[in-house]
PDB file of N, CA and C in Angstrom:
ATOM      1  N   MET A   1      -6.308  16.801  -7.882  1.00  0.00           N
ATOM      2  CA  MET A   1      -6.780  15.534  -8.369  1.00  0.00           C
ATOM      3  C   MET A   1      -6.346  14.445  -7.385  1.00  0.00           C
ATOM      4  N   LYS A   2      -7.225  13.498  -7.120  1.00  0.00           N
ATOM      5  CA  LYS A   2      -6.915  12.405  -6.203  1.00  0.00           C
ATOM      6  C   LYS A   2      -6.820  11.102  -6.985  1.00  0.00           C
ATOM      7  N   PHE A   3      -5.899  10.250  -6.551  1.00  0.00           N
ATOM      8  CA  PHE A   3      -5.690   8.963  -7.193  1.00  0.00           C
ATOM      9  C   PHE A   3      -5.966   7.846  -6.204  1.00  0.00           C
ATOM     10  N   ASN A   4      -6.413   6.729  -6.722  1.00  0.00           N
ATOM     11  CA  ASN A   4      -6.697   5.562  -5.909  1.00  0.00           C
ATOM     12  C   ASN A   4      -5.912   4.392  -6.489  1.00  0.00           C
ATOM     13  N   THR A   5      -5.137   3.709  -5.660  1.00  0.00           N
ATOM     14  CA  THR A   5      -4.355   2.573  -6.123  1.00  0.00           C
ATOM     15  C   THR A   5      -4.170   1.589  -4.976  1.00  0.00           C
ATOM     16  N   TYR A   6      -3.435   0.545  -5.202  1.00  0.00           N
ATOM     17  CA  TYR A   6      -3.142  -0.407  -4.140  1.00  0.00           C
ATOM     18  C   TYR A   6      -1.660  -0.753  -4.169  1.00  0.00           C
ATOM     19  N   LEU A   7      -1.170  -1.265  -3.070  1.00  0.00           N
ATOM     20  CA  LEU A   7       0.238  -1.613  -2.944  1.00  0.00           C
ATOM     21  C   LEU A   7       0.405  -3.120  -2.865  1.00  0.00           C
ATOM     22  N   ASP A   8       1.443  -3.603  -3.499  1.00  0.00           N
ATOM     23  CA  ASP A   8       1.781  -5.025  -3.408  1.00  0.00           C
ATOM     24  C   ASP A   8       2.827  -5.294  -2.342  1.00  0.00           C
ATOM     25  N   ASN A   9       3.673  -4.310  -2.081  1.00  0.00           N
ATOM     26  CA  ASN A   9       4.783  -4.542  -1.159  1.00  0.00           C
ATOM     27  C   ASN A   9       5.361  -3.215  -0.676  1.00  0.00           C
ATOM     28  N   LYS A  10       6.320  -3.298   0.236  1.00  0.00           N
ATOM     29  CA  LYS A  10       6.924  -2.083   0.793  1.00  0.00           C
ATOM     30  C   LYS A  10       7.777  -1.344  -0.226  1.00  0.00           C
ATOM     31  N   LYS A  11       8.302  -2.045  -1.205  1.00  0.00           N
ATOM     32  CA  LYS A  11       9.100  -1.396  -2.249  1.00  0.00           C
ATOM     33  C   LYS A  11       8.245  -0.358  -2.982  1.00  0.00           C
ATOM     34  N   THR A  12       7.017  -0.698  -3.263  1.00  0.00           N
ATOM     35  CA  THR A  12       6.104   0.239  -3.914  1.00  0.00           C
ATOM     36  C   THR A  12       5.818   1.433  -3.014  1.00  0.00           C
ATOM     37  N   LEU A  13       5.689   1.199  -1.732  1.00  0.00           N
ATOM     38  CA  LEU A  13       5.457   2.287  -0.783  1.00  0.00           C
ATOM     39  C   LEU A  13       6.626   3.268  -0.790  1.00  0.00           C
ATOM     40  N   LYS A  14       7.839   2.764  -0.883  1.00  0.00           N
ATOM     41  CA  LYS A  14       9.009   3.638  -0.947  1.00  0.00           C
ATOM     42  C   LYS A  14       9.005   4.467  -2.228  1.00  0.00           C
ATOM     43  N   LEU A  15       8.549   3.899  -3.333  1.00  0.00           N
ATOM     44  CA  LEU A  15       8.462   4.647  -4.587  1.00  0.00           C
ATOM     45  C   LEU A  15       7.427   5.764  -4.489  1.00  0.00           C
ATOM     46  N   ILE A  16       6.327   5.491  -3.836  1.00  0.00           N
ATOM     47  CA  ILE A  16       5.268   6.486  -3.673  1.00  0.00           C
ATOM     48  C   ILE A  16       5.749   7.649  -2.815  1.00  0.00           C
ATOM     49  N   HIS A  17       6.646   7.374  -1.890  1.00  0.00           N
ATOM     50  CA  HIS A  17       7.158   8.417  -0.993  1.00  0.00           C
ATOM     51  C   HIS A  17       7.741   9.596  -1.766  1.00  0.00           C
ATOM     52  N   ASP A  18       8.314   9.346  -2.921  1.00  0.00           N
ATOM     53  CA  ASP A  18       8.951  10.396  -3.711  1.00  0.00           C
ATOM     54  C   ASP A  18       8.015  11.049  -4.731  1.00  0.00           C
ATOM     55  N   THR A  19       6.727  10.841  -4.597  1.00  0.00           N
ATOM     56  CA  THR A  19       5.749  11.451  -5.501  1.00  0.00           C
ATOM     57  C   THR A  19       4.930  12.491  -4.746  1.00  0.00           C
ATOM     58  N   SER A  20       3.926  13.019  -5.402  1.00  0.00           N
ATOM     59  CA  SER A  20       3.058  14.015  -4.761  1.00  0.00           C
ATOM     60  C   SER A  20       1.954  13.369  -3.925  1.00  0.00           C
ATOM     61  N   ILE A  21       1.884  12.045  -3.891  1.00  0.00           N
ATOM     62  CA  ILE A  21       0.876  11.345  -3.094  1.00  0.00           C
ATOM     63  C   ILE A  21       1.209  11.525  -1.619  1.00  0.00           C
ATOM     64  N   ARG A  22       0.241  11.971  -0.835  1.00  0.00           N
ATOM     65  CA  ARG A  22       0.476  12.267   0.577  1.00  0.00           C
ATOM     66  C   ARG A  22      -0.302  11.370   1.529  1.00  0.00           C
ATOM     67  N   GLU A  23      -1.152  10.521   1.013  1.00  0.00           N
ATOM     68  CA  GLU A  23      -1.925   9.635   1.883  1.00  0.00           C
ATOM     69  C   GLU A  23      -2.023   8.263   1.243  1.00  0.00           C
ATOM     70  N   VAL A  24      -1.718   7.247   2.036  1.00  0.00           N
ATOM     71  CA  VAL A  24      -1.805   5.868   1.572  1.00  0.00           C
ATOM     72  C   VAL A  24      -2.579   5.078   2.613  1.00  0.00           C
ATOM     73  N   ILE A  25      -3.579   4.354   2.176  1.00  0.00           N
ATOM     74  CA  ILE A  25      -4.361   3.502   3.063  1.00  0.00           C
ATOM     75  C   ILE A  25      -3.982   2.057   2.762  1.00  0.00           C
ATOM     76  N   LEU A  26      -3.508   1.354   3.778  1.00  0.00           N
ATOM     77  CA  LEU A  26      -3.119  -0.044   3.616  1.00  0.00           C
ATOM     78  C   LEU A  26      -4.268  -0.935   4.059  1.00  0.00           C
ATOM     79  N   GLU A  27      -4.655  -1.869   3.192  1.00  0.00           N
ATOM     80  CA  GLU A  27      -5.722  -2.804   3.523  1.00  0.00           C
ATOM     81  C   GLU A  27      -5.168  -4.217   3.536  1.00  0.00           C
ATOM     82  N   HIS A  28      -5.543  -4.950   4.551  1.00  0.00           N
ATOM     83  CA  HIS A  28      -5.167  -6.357   4.638  1.00  0.00           C
ATOM     84  C   HIS A  28      -5.819  -7.110   3.485  1.00  0.00           C
ATOM     85  N   LYS A  29      -5.156  -8.145   2.993  1.00  0.00           N
ATOM     86  CA  LYS A  29      -5.657  -8.866   1.823  1.00  0.00           C
ATOM     87  C   LYS A  29      -7.039  -9.488   2.036  1.00  0.00           C
ATOM     88  N   THR A  30      -7.414  -9.787   3.271  1.00  0.00           N
ATOM     89  CA  THR A  30      -8.738 -10.364   3.509  1.00  0.00           C
ATOM     90  C   THR A  30      -9.848  -9.318   3.436  1.00  0.00           C
ATOM     91  N   LEU A  31      -9.476  -8.031   3.437  1.00  0.00           N
ATOM     92  CA  LEU A  31     -10.469  -6.956   3.404  1.00  0.00           C
ATOM     93  C   LEU A  31     -10.535  -6.243   2.056  1.00  0.00           C
ATOM     94  N   SER A  32      -9.739  -6.666   1.108  1.00  0.00           N
ATOM     95  CA  SER A  32      -9.659  -5.951  -0.155  1.00  0.00           C
ATOM     96  C   SER A  32      -9.617  -6.929  -1.325  1.00  0.00           C
ATOM     97  N   ARG A  33     -10.357  -6.621  -2.381  1.00  0.00           N
ATOM     98  CA  ARG A  33     -10.349  -7.481  -3.564  1.00  0.00           C
ATOM     99  C   ARG A  33      -8.983  -7.511  -4.240  1.00  0.00           C
ATOM    100  N   MET A  34      -8.298  -6.363  -4.282  1.00  0.00           N
ATOM    101  CA  MET A  34      -7.049  -6.278  -5.017  1.00  0.00           C
ATOM    102  C   MET A  34      -5.823  -6.275  -4.113  1.00  0.00           C
ATOM    103  N   GLY A  35      -6.028  -6.160  -2.815  1.00  0.00           N
ATOM    104  CA  GLY A  35      -4.897  -6.108  -1.897  1.00  0.00           C
ATOM    105  C   GLY A  35      -4.195  -7.440  -1.767  1.00  0.00           C
ATOM    106  N   ARG A  36      -2.911  -7.380  -1.512  1.00  0.00           N
ATOM    107  CA  ARG A  36      -2.126  -8.603  -1.361  1.00  0.00           C
ATOM    108  C   ARG A  36      -1.269  -8.583  -0.104  1.00  0.00           C
ATOM    109  N   LEU A  37      -1.485  -7.615   0.768  1.00  0.00           N
ATOM    110  CA  LEU A  37      -0.660  -7.500   1.971  1.00  0.00           C
ATOM    111  C   LEU A  37      -1.167  -8.423   3.070  1.00  0.00           C
ATOM    112  N   ASP A  38      -0.299  -9.301   3.531  1.00  0.00           N
ATOM    113  CA  ASP A  38      -0.665 -10.115   4.679  1.00  0.00           C
ATOM    114  C   ASP A  38      -0.145  -9.433   5.944  1.00  0.00           C
ATOM    115  N   THR A  39      -0.442  -9.996   7.086  1.00  0.00           N
ATOM    116  CA  THR A  39      -0.083  -9.361   8.354  1.00  0.00           C
ATOM    117  C   THR A  39       1.426  -9.198   8.506  1.00  0.00           C
ATOM    118  N   ASP A  40       2.193 -10.219   8.192  1.00  0.00           N
ATOM    119  CA  ASP A  40       3.647 -10.147   8.365  1.00  0.00           C
ATOM    120  C   ASP A  40       4.282  -9.073   7.499  1.00  0.00           C
ATOM    121  N   SER A  41       3.912  -8.995   6.240  1.00  0.00           N
ATOM    122  CA  SER A  41       4.535  -8.003   5.360  1.00  0.00           C
ATOM    123  C   SER A  41       4.012  -6.598   5.621  1.00  0.00           C
ATOM    124  N   SER A  42       2.853  -6.464   6.214  1.00  0.00           N
ATOM    125  CA  SER A  42       2.306  -5.143   6.512  1.00  0.00           C
ATOM    126  C   SER A  42       3.033  -4.465   7.660  1.00  0.00           C
ATOM    127  N   PHE A  43       3.488  -5.245   8.641  1.00  0.00           N
ATOM    128  CA  PHE A  43       4.062  -4.662   9.843  1.00  0.00           C
ATOM    129  C   PHE A  43       5.548  -4.930  10.026  1.00  0.00           C
ATOM    130  N   SER A  44       6.169  -5.663   9.127  1.00  0.00           N
ATOM    131  CA  SER A  44       7.602  -5.930   9.274  1.00  0.00           C
ATOM    132  C   SER A  44       8.419  -4.752   8.773  1.00  0.00           C
ATOM    133  N   ASN A  45       9.607  -4.594   9.308  1.00  0.00           N
ATOM    134  CA  ASN A  45      10.485  -3.491   8.895  1.00  0.00           C
ATOM    135  C   ASN A  45      11.360  -3.956   7.818  1.00  0.00           C
TER     136      ASN A  45
END
């Protein structure tokens, strides 16, 4: 079964790491209706 969701921040990405989800697609907020990731938060460590 495949799931589709979106991320608000890197904290959520870390939570997903410990699940069975193996692929995450990050979309910039200007390209996605529900996305909230801007350039700085997408690429910062």
